[in-house]
């Protein structure tokens, strides 16, 4: 994976890209969230993206050292500050869980318990004309559908790795590959 075509939204203080990997140390107290339950808006998490046109399919392979409540990493698909999806791992109740947040003015959140703490995790996104399908895998072979969500038609979307630490001191995450299909 060549990361040089990507741009930062909210660049972290510590990161590097090389040897086909993207390494990020999240800054503390950063997140992506809109209004629901907490009545606040946060749009300061880290997002390393490139523009994509039309339907696409991609798979992100990553691993993280999650430790604090809501530490998270994964894939983001973004139209703008009020319309986006983030999917990956989120640390909740002392465990890493598969997570999807779909935001269209308001965020909604779904979690899936994992049988064990994943050393490596994969998120696959398939973008159709007016929807996104999110699947996850702990082996990169068998994927389970987590979410099929309406996502408005758009000429272009921002797509790439995302990480945030809403409550903690920050954590290390390694994005190993982002493959386009």
N, C-alpha and C. Protein backbone atom coordinates (compact mmCIF):
# COMPACT_ATOMS: atom_id res chain seq x y z
N UNK A 1 0.84 -1.18 0.00
CA UNK A 1 0.00 0.00 0.00
C UNK A 1 0.88 1.24 0.00
N UNK A 2 0.64 2.10 -0.93
CA UNK A 2 1.36 3.36 -1.00
C UNK A 2 0.47 4.45 -0.39
N UNK A 3 0.88 5.00 0.71
CA UNK A 3 0.06 5.96 1.45
C UNK A 3 0.25 7.40 0.98
N UNK A 4 1.07 7.65 -0.04
CA UNK A 4 1.38 9.02 -0.41
C UNK A 4 0.24 9.77 -1.09
N UNK A 5 -0.80 9.06 -1.55
CA UNK A 5 -1.95 9.73 -2.17
C UNK A 5 -3.00 10.15 -1.14
N UNK A 6 -2.71 9.97 0.14
CA UNK A 6 -3.67 10.23 1.21
C UNK A 6 -3.40 11.58 1.87
N UNK A 7 -4.46 12.14 2.49
CA UNK A 7 -4.35 13.41 3.21
C UNK A 7 -4.95 13.24 4.60
N UNK A 8 -4.50 14.05 5.54
CA UNK A 8 -5.02 13.99 6.90
C UNK A 8 -6.18 14.95 7.10
N UNK A 9 -7.18 14.46 7.82
CA UNK A 9 -8.12 15.31 8.52
C UNK A 9 -7.75 15.10 9.98
N UNK A 10 -7.30 16.14 10.64
CA UNK A 10 -6.87 16.07 12.04
C UNK A 10 -5.63 15.18 12.21
N UNK A 11 -4.53 15.63 11.65
CA UNK A 11 -3.27 14.89 11.71
C UNK A 11 -2.81 14.67 13.15
N UNK A 12 -2.47 13.43 13.51
CA UNK A 12 -1.96 13.18 14.87
C UNK A 12 -0.54 13.74 15.02
N UNK A 13 -0.15 13.98 16.27
CA UNK A 13 1.20 14.49 16.51
C UNK A 13 2.27 13.46 16.14
N UNK A 14 1.97 12.15 16.36
CA UNK A 14 2.95 11.10 16.07
C UNK A 14 2.37 10.10 15.08
N UNK A 15 3.03 10.00 13.92
CA UNK A 15 2.63 9.02 12.93
C UNK A 15 3.77 8.86 11.93
N UNK A 16 3.74 7.74 11.21
CA UNK A 16 4.70 7.52 10.13
C UNK A 16 4.09 6.57 9.11
N UNK A 17 4.55 6.70 7.89
CA UNK A 17 4.11 5.82 6.81
C UNK A 17 5.37 5.34 6.09
N UNK A 18 5.49 4.03 5.98
CA UNK A 18 6.64 3.43 5.32
C UNK A 18 6.55 1.93 5.38
N UNK A 19 7.33 1.25 4.57
CA UNK A 19 7.26 -0.21 4.50
C UNK A 19 5.83 -0.69 4.32
N UNK A 20 5.05 0.10 3.56
CA UNK A 20 3.66 -0.22 3.24
C UNK A 20 2.73 -0.22 4.45
N UNK A 21 3.17 0.35 5.58
CA UNK A 21 2.36 0.43 6.78
C UNK A 21 2.18 1.88 7.22
N UNK A 22 1.07 2.12 7.87
CA UNK A 22 0.79 3.41 8.48
C UNK A 22 0.73 3.19 9.98
N UNK A 23 1.60 3.86 10.73
CA UNK A 23 1.64 3.75 12.19
C UNK A 23 1.14 5.06 12.79
N UNK A 24 0.21 4.95 13.73
CA UNK A 24 -0.39 6.12 14.35
C UNK A 24 -0.40 5.96 15.86
N UNK A 25 -0.01 7.01 16.55
CA UNK A 25 -0.22 7.13 18.01
C UNK A 25 -1.30 8.19 18.15
N UNK A 26 -2.47 7.78 18.63
CA UNK A 26 -3.58 8.73 18.70
C UNK A 26 -3.32 9.80 19.75
N UNK A 27 -3.79 10.99 19.47
CA UNK A 27 -3.78 12.07 20.46
C UNK A 27 -4.92 11.81 21.44
N UNK A 28 -4.78 12.29 22.66
CA UNK A 28 -5.81 12.06 23.66
C UNK A 28 -7.04 12.94 23.43
N UNK A 29 -8.18 12.42 23.88
CA UNK A 29 -9.46 13.14 23.87
C UNK A 29 -9.93 13.53 22.47
N UNK A 30 -9.75 12.65 21.49
CA UNK A 30 -10.18 12.90 20.11
C UNK A 30 -11.25 11.87 19.74
N UNK A 31 -12.22 12.30 18.90
CA UNK A 31 -13.31 11.39 18.54
C UNK A 31 -14.06 11.91 17.32
N UNK A 32 -14.91 11.04 16.77
CA UNK A 32 -15.91 11.40 15.78
C UNK A 32 -17.25 10.98 16.37
N UNK A 33 -18.15 11.94 16.58
CA UNK A 33 -19.49 11.65 17.13
C UNK A 33 -20.37 12.86 16.91
N UNK A 34 -21.69 12.60 16.73
CA UNK A 34 -22.63 13.70 16.54
C UNK A 34 -23.88 13.50 17.39
N UNK A 35 -24.01 14.23 18.46
CA UNK A 35 -25.21 14.55 19.22
C UNK A 35 -25.83 13.39 20.01
N UNK A 36 -26.18 12.29 19.39
CA UNK A 36 -26.98 11.24 20.01
C UNK A 36 -26.49 10.89 21.42
N UNK A 37 -27.38 10.84 22.36
CA UNK A 37 -27.21 10.50 23.77
C UNK A 37 -26.36 11.51 24.54
N UNK A 38 -25.23 11.95 23.99
CA UNK A 38 -24.31 12.80 24.71
C UNK A 38 -24.49 14.29 24.42
N UNK A 39 -25.26 14.62 23.40
CA UNK A 39 -25.57 16.01 23.05
C UNK A 39 -24.32 16.85 22.78
N UNK A 40 -23.31 16.24 22.14
CA UNK A 40 -22.14 17.01 21.72
C UNK A 40 -21.72 16.56 20.33
N UNK A 41 -20.88 17.37 19.73
CA UNK A 41 -20.32 17.06 18.41
C UNK A 41 -18.81 17.03 18.54
N UNK A 42 -18.21 15.92 18.11
CA UNK A 42 -16.75 15.79 18.06
C UNK A 42 -16.38 15.40 16.63
N UNK A 43 -15.49 16.15 16.05
CA UNK A 43 -15.04 15.87 14.68
C UNK A 43 -13.53 16.07 14.62
N UNK A 44 -12.83 15.57 15.66
CA UNK A 44 -11.39 15.82 15.74
C UNK A 44 -10.55 14.55 15.82
N UNK A 45 -11.17 13.38 15.56
CA UNK A 45 -10.40 12.14 15.47
C UNK A 45 -9.48 12.18 14.26
N UNK A 46 -8.61 11.20 14.13
CA UNK A 46 -7.64 11.16 13.05
C UNK A 46 -8.19 10.34 11.87
N UNK A 47 -8.09 10.90 10.68
CA UNK A 47 -8.62 10.27 9.47
C UNK A 47 -7.65 10.53 8.32
N UNK A 48 -7.10 9.46 7.76
CA UNK A 48 -6.12 9.53 6.66
C UNK A 48 -6.83 9.00 5.42
N UNK A 49 -7.16 9.87 4.49
CA UNK A 49 -8.09 9.52 3.43
C UNK A 49 -7.59 9.86 2.03
N UNK A 50 -8.30 9.26 1.08
CA UNK A 50 -8.18 9.65 -0.33
C UNK A 50 -9.58 9.72 -0.90
N UNK A 51 -9.74 10.47 -1.96
CA UNK A 51 -11.04 10.63 -2.61
C UNK A 51 -11.33 9.41 -3.49
N UNK A 52 -12.57 8.92 -3.42
CA UNK A 52 -13.02 7.80 -4.25
C UNK A 52 -14.29 8.22 -4.97
N UNK A 53 -14.38 7.84 -6.23
CA UNK A 53 -15.55 8.14 -7.04
C UNK A 53 -16.32 6.86 -7.33
N UNK A 54 -17.64 6.98 -7.38
CA UNK A 54 -18.49 5.86 -7.79
C UNK A 54 -18.48 4.70 -6.81
N UNK A 55 -19.10 3.58 -7.18
CA UNK A 55 -19.09 2.39 -6.33
C UNK A 55 -17.67 1.84 -6.16
N UNK A 56 -17.39 1.28 -5.00
CA UNK A 56 -16.07 0.69 -4.74
C UNK A 56 -16.21 -0.37 -3.67
N UNK A 57 -15.18 -1.17 -3.53
CA UNK A 57 -15.06 -2.13 -2.45
C UNK A 57 -13.62 -2.05 -1.95
N UNK A 58 -13.44 -2.05 -0.63
CA UNK A 58 -12.09 -2.00 -0.07
C UNK A 58 -12.05 -2.81 1.22
N UNK A 59 -10.85 -3.27 1.55
CA UNK A 59 -10.62 -4.02 2.78
C UNK A 59 -9.41 -3.43 3.49
N UNK A 60 -9.60 -3.11 4.78
CA UNK A 60 -8.53 -2.55 5.61
C UNK A 60 -8.11 -3.60 6.64
N UNK A 61 -6.80 -3.85 6.73
CA UNK A 61 -6.22 -4.75 7.73
C UNK A 61 -5.47 -3.89 8.74
N UNK A 62 -5.75 -4.12 10.05
CA UNK A 62 -5.13 -3.27 11.07
C UNK A 62 -5.06 -3.99 12.41
N UNK A 63 -4.27 -3.43 13.31
CA UNK A 63 -4.17 -3.94 14.68
C UNK A 63 -3.89 -2.76 15.60
N UNK A 64 -4.32 -2.89 16.87
CA UNK A 64 -4.13 -1.80 17.81
C UNK A 64 -3.92 -2.32 19.22
N UNK A 65 -3.35 -1.46 20.04
CA UNK A 65 -3.14 -1.77 21.46
C UNK A 65 -4.17 -0.99 22.28
N UNK A 66 -5.44 -1.36 22.11
CA UNK A 66 -6.55 -0.68 22.77
C UNK A 66 -6.48 -0.91 24.27
N UNK A 67 -6.73 0.14 25.05
CA UNK A 67 -6.68 -0.04 26.51
C UNK A 67 -7.66 0.84 27.26
N UNK A 68 -8.01 1.99 26.72
CA UNK A 68 -8.91 2.91 27.42
C UNK A 68 -10.29 2.90 26.77
N UNK A 69 -11.29 3.24 27.57
CA UNK A 69 -12.66 3.26 27.09
C UNK A 69 -12.78 4.04 25.78
N UNK A 70 -13.38 3.42 24.80
CA UNK A 70 -13.67 3.96 23.47
C UNK A 70 -12.45 4.12 22.57
N UNK A 71 -11.26 3.63 22.95
CA UNK A 71 -10.16 3.59 21.98
C UNK A 71 -10.68 2.88 20.74
N UNK A 72 -10.39 3.42 19.56
CA UNK A 72 -10.99 2.89 18.35
C UNK A 72 -10.08 3.07 17.14
N UNK A 73 -10.21 2.13 16.21
CA UNK A 73 -9.47 2.21 14.95
C UNK A 73 -10.27 1.45 13.90
N UNK A 74 -10.08 1.85 12.65
CA UNK A 74 -10.76 1.16 11.57
C UNK A 74 -10.83 2.01 10.32
N UNK A 75 -11.90 1.81 9.58
CA UNK A 75 -12.12 2.45 8.28
C UNK A 75 -13.19 3.52 8.40
N UNK A 76 -12.96 4.64 7.73
CA UNK A 76 -13.98 5.69 7.68
C UNK A 76 -14.33 5.98 6.24
N UNK A 77 -15.62 6.21 6.01
CA UNK A 77 -16.15 6.67 4.73
C UNK A 77 -16.88 7.96 5.04
N UNK A 78 -16.51 9.04 4.36
CA UNK A 78 -16.99 10.36 4.78
C UNK A 78 -17.41 11.19 3.58
N UNK A 79 -18.61 11.73 3.68
CA UNK A 79 -19.08 12.71 2.70
C UNK A 79 -18.74 14.12 3.21
N UNK A 80 -19.06 14.36 4.48
CA UNK A 80 -18.78 15.66 5.10
C UNK A 80 -18.86 15.48 6.63
N UNK A 81 -18.83 16.57 7.37
CA UNK A 81 -18.81 16.51 8.83
C UNK A 81 -20.10 15.95 9.43
N UNK A 82 -21.19 15.90 8.67
CA UNK A 82 -22.46 15.41 9.20
C UNK A 82 -22.89 14.08 8.60
N UNK A 83 -22.10 13.55 7.65
CA UNK A 83 -22.48 12.31 6.96
C UNK A 83 -21.24 11.45 6.79
N UNK A 84 -21.15 10.39 7.62
CA UNK A 84 -19.99 9.51 7.58
C UNK A 84 -20.28 8.18 8.26
N UNK A 85 -19.39 7.21 8.01
CA UNK A 85 -19.43 5.91 8.66
C UNK A 85 -18.02 5.62 9.16
N UNK A 86 -17.93 5.12 10.40
CA UNK A 86 -16.65 4.59 10.89
C UNK A 86 -16.92 3.17 11.36
N UNK A 87 -16.01 2.26 11.02
CA UNK A 87 -16.20 0.84 11.35
C UNK A 87 -14.86 0.22 11.68
N UNK A 88 -14.85 -0.60 12.72
CA UNK A 88 -13.59 -1.26 13.11
C UNK A 88 -13.70 -1.87 14.48
N UNK A 89 -12.70 -1.60 15.30
CA UNK A 89 -12.64 -2.08 16.68
C UNK A 89 -12.83 -0.88 17.61
N UNK A 90 -13.62 -1.09 18.66
CA UNK A 90 -13.75 -0.09 19.71
C UNK A 90 -13.66 -0.81 21.06
N UNK A 91 -12.92 -0.22 21.98
CA UNK A 91 -12.69 -0.83 23.30
C UNK A 91 -13.79 -0.37 24.25
N UNK A 92 -14.65 -1.31 24.66
CA UNK A 92 -15.81 -1.00 25.49
C UNK A 92 -15.95 -2.07 26.57
N UNK A 93 -16.21 -1.67 27.80
CA UNK A 93 -16.39 -2.60 28.91
C UNK A 93 -15.21 -3.58 29.06
N UNK A 94 -14.00 -3.06 28.85
CA UNK A 94 -12.80 -3.86 29.01
C UNK A 94 -12.52 -4.86 27.92
N UNK A 95 -13.21 -4.73 26.76
CA UNK A 95 -13.02 -5.68 25.66
C UNK A 95 -13.03 -4.96 24.32
N UNK A 96 -12.27 -5.51 23.37
CA UNK A 96 -12.30 -5.01 22.00
C UNK A 96 -13.53 -5.58 21.32
N UNK A 97 -14.35 -4.71 20.73
CA UNK A 97 -15.58 -5.14 20.07
C UNK A 97 -15.61 -4.60 18.64
N UNK A 98 -16.23 -5.35 17.74
CA UNK A 98 -16.47 -4.86 16.39
C UNK A 98 -17.53 -3.77 16.49
N UNK A 99 -17.29 -2.65 15.82
CA UNK A 99 -18.13 -1.47 15.99
C UNK A 99 -18.41 -0.80 14.65
N UNK A 100 -19.62 -0.29 14.51
CA UNK A 100 -19.98 0.54 13.36
C UNK A 100 -20.78 1.73 13.87
N UNK A 101 -20.39 2.93 13.45
CA UNK A 101 -21.16 4.14 13.71
C UNK A 101 -21.55 4.72 12.35
N UNK A 102 -22.85 4.88 12.15
CA UNK A 102 -23.36 5.51 10.93
C UNK A 102 -23.92 6.86 11.34
N UNK A 103 -23.47 7.91 10.68
CA UNK A 103 -23.88 9.26 11.02
C UNK A 103 -24.48 9.95 9.81
N UNK A 104 -25.72 10.37 9.98
CA UNK A 104 -26.42 11.24 9.04
C UNK A 104 -27.11 12.28 9.92
N UNK A 105 -26.40 13.34 10.22
CA UNK A 105 -26.76 14.39 11.17
C UNK A 105 -26.64 13.92 12.62
N UNK A 106 -27.12 12.71 12.93
CA UNK A 106 -27.01 12.12 14.26
C UNK A 106 -26.27 10.79 14.15
N UNK A 107 -25.42 10.49 15.11
CA UNK A 107 -24.70 9.22 15.10
C UNK A 107 -25.56 8.11 15.70
N UNK A 108 -25.46 6.91 15.09
CA UNK A 108 -25.98 5.72 15.75
C UNK A 108 -24.86 4.70 15.81
N UNK A 109 -24.92 3.79 16.75
CA UNK A 109 -23.78 2.94 17.08
C UNK A 109 -24.25 1.51 17.27
N UNK A 110 -23.51 0.58 16.69
CA UNK A 110 -23.78 -0.83 16.92
C UNK A 110 -22.48 -1.54 17.25
N UNK A 111 -22.57 -2.52 18.15
CA UNK A 111 -21.41 -3.28 18.61
C UNK A 111 -21.67 -4.77 18.44
N UNK A 112 -20.60 -5.51 18.16
CA UNK A 112 -20.66 -6.97 18.10
C UNK A 112 -19.55 -7.51 18.99
N UNK A 113 -19.91 -8.38 19.94
CA UNK A 113 -18.90 -9.02 20.78
C UNK A 113 -18.02 -9.91 19.93
N UNK A 114 -16.75 -9.93 20.24
CA UNK A 114 -15.79 -10.80 19.57
C UNK A 114 -15.40 -11.93 20.52
N UNK A 115 -15.13 -13.12 19.99
CA UNK A 115 -14.80 -14.24 20.87
C UNK A 115 -13.49 -14.06 21.63
N UNK A 116 -12.58 -13.25 21.08
CA UNK A 116 -11.31 -12.99 21.74
C UNK A 116 -10.75 -11.67 21.25
N UNK A 117 -9.75 -11.17 21.96
CA UNK A 117 -9.08 -9.93 21.57
C UNK A 117 -8.36 -10.18 20.25
N UNK A 118 -8.69 -9.46 19.19
CA UNK A 118 -8.07 -9.74 17.89
C UNK A 118 -6.65 -9.18 17.77
N UNK A 119 -5.71 -10.04 17.42
CA UNK A 119 -4.34 -9.58 17.16
C UNK A 119 -4.33 -8.71 15.91
N UNK A 120 -5.13 -9.10 14.92
CA UNK A 120 -5.28 -8.38 13.66
C UNK A 120 -6.76 -8.43 13.30
N UNK A 121 -7.24 -7.41 12.61
CA UNK A 121 -8.67 -7.35 12.26
C UNK A 121 -8.81 -6.76 10.86
N UNK A 122 -9.88 -7.15 10.17
CA UNK A 122 -10.16 -6.66 8.82
C UNK A 122 -11.57 -6.08 8.79
N UNK A 123 -11.71 -4.95 8.12
CA UNK A 123 -13.01 -4.35 7.82
C UNK A 123 -13.11 -4.23 6.30
N UNK A 124 -14.25 -4.67 5.77
CA UNK A 124 -14.50 -4.54 4.33
C UNK A 124 -15.72 -3.65 4.15
N UNK A 125 -15.62 -2.71 3.21
CA UNK A 125 -16.73 -1.83 2.87
C UNK A 125 -17.03 -1.95 1.38
N UNK A 126 -18.30 -2.07 1.07
CA UNK A 126 -18.76 -2.08 -0.32
C UNK A 126 -19.73 -0.93 -0.50
N UNK A 127 -19.37 -0.03 -1.38
CA UNK A 127 -20.19 1.16 -1.63
C UNK A 127 -21.02 0.94 -2.88
N UNK A 128 -22.34 1.05 -2.73
CA UNK A 128 -23.25 1.02 -3.86
C UNK A 128 -23.75 2.43 -4.14
N UNK A 129 -24.70 2.54 -5.01
CA UNK A 129 -25.23 3.86 -5.41
C UNK A 129 -25.73 4.66 -4.21
N UNK A 130 -26.47 4.02 -3.30
CA UNK A 130 -27.07 4.75 -2.18
C UNK A 130 -26.94 4.00 -0.85
N UNK A 131 -25.90 3.17 -0.74
CA UNK A 131 -25.73 2.39 0.49
C UNK A 131 -24.27 1.99 0.68
N UNK A 132 -23.97 1.55 1.90
CA UNK A 132 -22.66 0.97 2.23
C UNK A 132 -22.91 -0.30 3.02
N UNK A 133 -22.18 -1.35 2.65
CA UNK A 133 -22.24 -2.63 3.35
C UNK A 133 -20.93 -2.80 4.09
N UNK A 134 -21.00 -3.04 5.40
CA UNK A 134 -19.80 -3.19 6.24
C UNK A 134 -19.73 -4.63 6.75
N UNK A 135 -18.58 -5.28 6.55
CA UNK A 135 -18.34 -6.63 7.05
C UNK A 135 -17.02 -6.64 7.80
N UNK A 136 -16.86 -7.63 8.70
CA UNK A 136 -15.61 -7.74 9.46
C UNK A 136 -15.12 -9.17 9.46
N UNK A 137 -13.81 -9.32 9.79
CA UNK A 137 -13.19 -10.64 9.80
C UNK A 137 -12.02 -10.64 10.79
N UNK A 138 -11.83 -11.78 11.44
CA UNK A 138 -10.65 -11.92 12.31
C UNK A 138 -9.57 -12.76 11.65
N UNK A 139 -9.84 -13.27 10.42
CA UNK A 139 -8.83 -14.05 9.71
C UNK A 139 -8.57 -13.56 8.28
N UNK A 140 -9.29 -12.57 7.82
CA UNK A 140 -9.10 -12.04 6.47
C UNK A 140 -9.70 -12.90 5.37
N UNK A 141 -10.38 -13.98 5.75
CA UNK A 141 -10.96 -14.91 4.78
C UNK A 141 -12.49 -14.94 4.89
N UNK A 142 -12.96 -15.22 6.11
CA UNK A 142 -14.41 -15.28 6.35
C UNK A 142 -14.87 -13.93 6.92
N UNK A 143 -15.77 -13.29 6.19
CA UNK A 143 -16.30 -11.99 6.61
C UNK A 143 -17.76 -12.13 7.03
N UNK A 144 -18.13 -11.43 8.10
CA UNK A 144 -19.50 -11.42 8.59
C UNK A 144 -20.09 -10.03 8.38
N UNK A 145 -21.27 -9.97 7.83
CA UNK A 145 -21.95 -8.69 7.63
C UNK A 145 -22.30 -8.08 8.98
N UNK A 146 -21.90 -6.83 9.18
CA UNK A 146 -22.22 -6.11 10.41
C UNK A 146 -23.33 -5.09 10.19
N UNK A 147 -23.34 -4.51 9.00
CA UNK A 147 -24.28 -3.40 8.79
C UNK A 147 -24.48 -3.17 7.30
N UNK A 148 -25.72 -2.94 6.92
CA UNK A 148 -26.08 -2.43 5.60
C UNK A 148 -26.81 -1.14 5.88
N UNK A 149 -26.25 0.00 5.44
CA UNK A 149 -26.81 1.30 5.81
C UNK A 149 -27.04 2.16 4.58
N UNK A 150 -28.11 2.92 4.62
CA UNK A 150 -28.32 3.94 3.61
C UNK A 150 -27.17 4.94 3.71
N UNK A 151 -26.64 5.33 2.58
CA UNK A 151 -25.63 6.38 2.53
C UNK A 151 -25.87 7.14 1.24
N UNK A 152 -26.09 8.44 1.29
CA UNK A 152 -26.57 9.18 0.13
C UNK A 152 -25.61 9.12 -1.07
N UNK A 153 -26.22 9.14 -2.24
CA UNK A 153 -25.45 9.18 -3.48
C UNK A 153 -24.58 10.44 -3.47
N UNK A 154 -23.35 10.29 -3.96
CA UNK A 154 -22.42 11.43 -4.01
C UNK A 154 -21.40 11.15 -5.11
N UNK A 155 -20.94 12.20 -5.76
CA UNK A 155 -19.94 12.04 -6.82
C UNK A 155 -18.62 11.53 -6.26
N UNK A 156 -18.29 11.92 -5.03
CA UNK A 156 -17.00 11.57 -4.45
C UNK A 156 -17.14 11.42 -2.94
N UNK A 157 -16.35 10.48 -2.37
CA UNK A 157 -16.31 10.27 -0.92
C UNK A 157 -14.86 10.20 -0.47
N UNK A 158 -14.61 10.52 0.79
CA UNK A 158 -13.30 10.34 1.40
C UNK A 158 -13.30 8.98 2.09
N UNK A 159 -12.23 8.19 1.84
CA UNK A 159 -12.16 6.83 2.38
C UNK A 159 -10.74 6.58 2.89
N UNK A 160 -10.64 5.96 4.09
CA UNK A 160 -9.33 5.61 4.61
C UNK A 160 -9.34 5.24 6.08
N UNK A 161 -8.17 5.01 6.65
CA UNK A 161 -8.04 4.63 8.05
C UNK A 161 -8.44 5.77 9.00
N UNK A 162 -9.00 5.36 10.15
CA UNK A 162 -9.46 6.28 11.18
C UNK A 162 -9.01 5.73 12.52
N UNK A 163 -8.67 6.63 13.46
CA UNK A 163 -8.36 6.22 14.83
C UNK A 163 -8.67 7.37 15.77
N UNK A 164 -9.07 7.02 17.01
CA UNK A 164 -9.40 8.06 17.99
C UNK A 164 -9.31 7.50 19.40
N UNK A 165 -9.10 8.40 20.35
CA UNK A 165 -9.06 8.08 21.78
C UNK A 165 -9.90 9.09 22.54
N UNK A 166 -11.23 8.89 22.59
CA UNK A 166 -12.09 9.89 23.23
C UNK A 166 -11.86 10.08 24.72
N UNK A 167 -11.47 9.04 25.44
CA UNK A 167 -11.34 9.13 26.89
C UNK A 167 -9.92 8.94 27.40
N UNK A 168 -9.07 8.29 26.60
CA UNK A 168 -7.77 7.88 27.10
C UNK A 168 -6.62 8.78 26.72
N UNK A 169 -5.44 8.28 27.02
CA UNK A 169 -4.19 8.99 26.79
C UNK A 169 -3.66 8.81 25.37
N UNK A 170 -4.31 7.98 24.57
CA UNK A 170 -3.85 7.67 23.23
C UNK A 170 -3.31 6.25 23.20
N UNK A 171 -3.29 5.66 22.02
CA UNK A 171 -2.80 4.29 21.87
C UNK A 171 -2.17 4.14 20.49
N UNK A 172 -1.42 3.04 20.32
CA UNK A 172 -0.74 2.77 19.05
C UNK A 172 -1.60 1.87 18.18
N UNK A 173 -1.68 2.22 16.90
CA UNK A 173 -2.40 1.42 15.92
C UNK A 173 -1.55 1.31 14.66
N UNK A 174 -1.61 0.14 14.05
CA UNK A 174 -0.86 -0.14 12.81
C UNK A 174 -1.85 -0.54 11.73
N UNK A 175 -1.88 0.24 10.66
CA UNK A 175 -2.68 -0.09 9.49
C UNK A 175 -1.75 -0.79 8.50
N UNK A 176 -2.01 -2.06 8.25
CA UNK A 176 -1.09 -2.87 7.45
C UNK A 176 -1.37 -2.79 5.96
N UNK A 177 -2.64 -2.73 5.58
CA UNK A 177 -2.95 -2.64 4.15
C UNK A 177 -4.36 -2.14 3.95
N UNK A 178 -4.56 -1.45 2.87
CA UNK A 178 -5.88 -1.04 2.40
C UNK A 178 -5.93 -1.46 0.95
N UNK A 179 -6.76 -2.45 0.66
CA UNK A 179 -6.84 -3.01 -0.69
C UNK A 179 -8.16 -2.61 -1.33
N UNK A 180 -8.07 -2.20 -2.59
CA UNK A 180 -9.26 -1.83 -3.37
C UNK A 180 -9.62 -3.00 -4.28
N UNK A 181 -10.89 -3.31 -4.35
CA UNK A 181 -11.35 -4.45 -5.17
C UNK A 181 -12.23 -3.95 -6.30
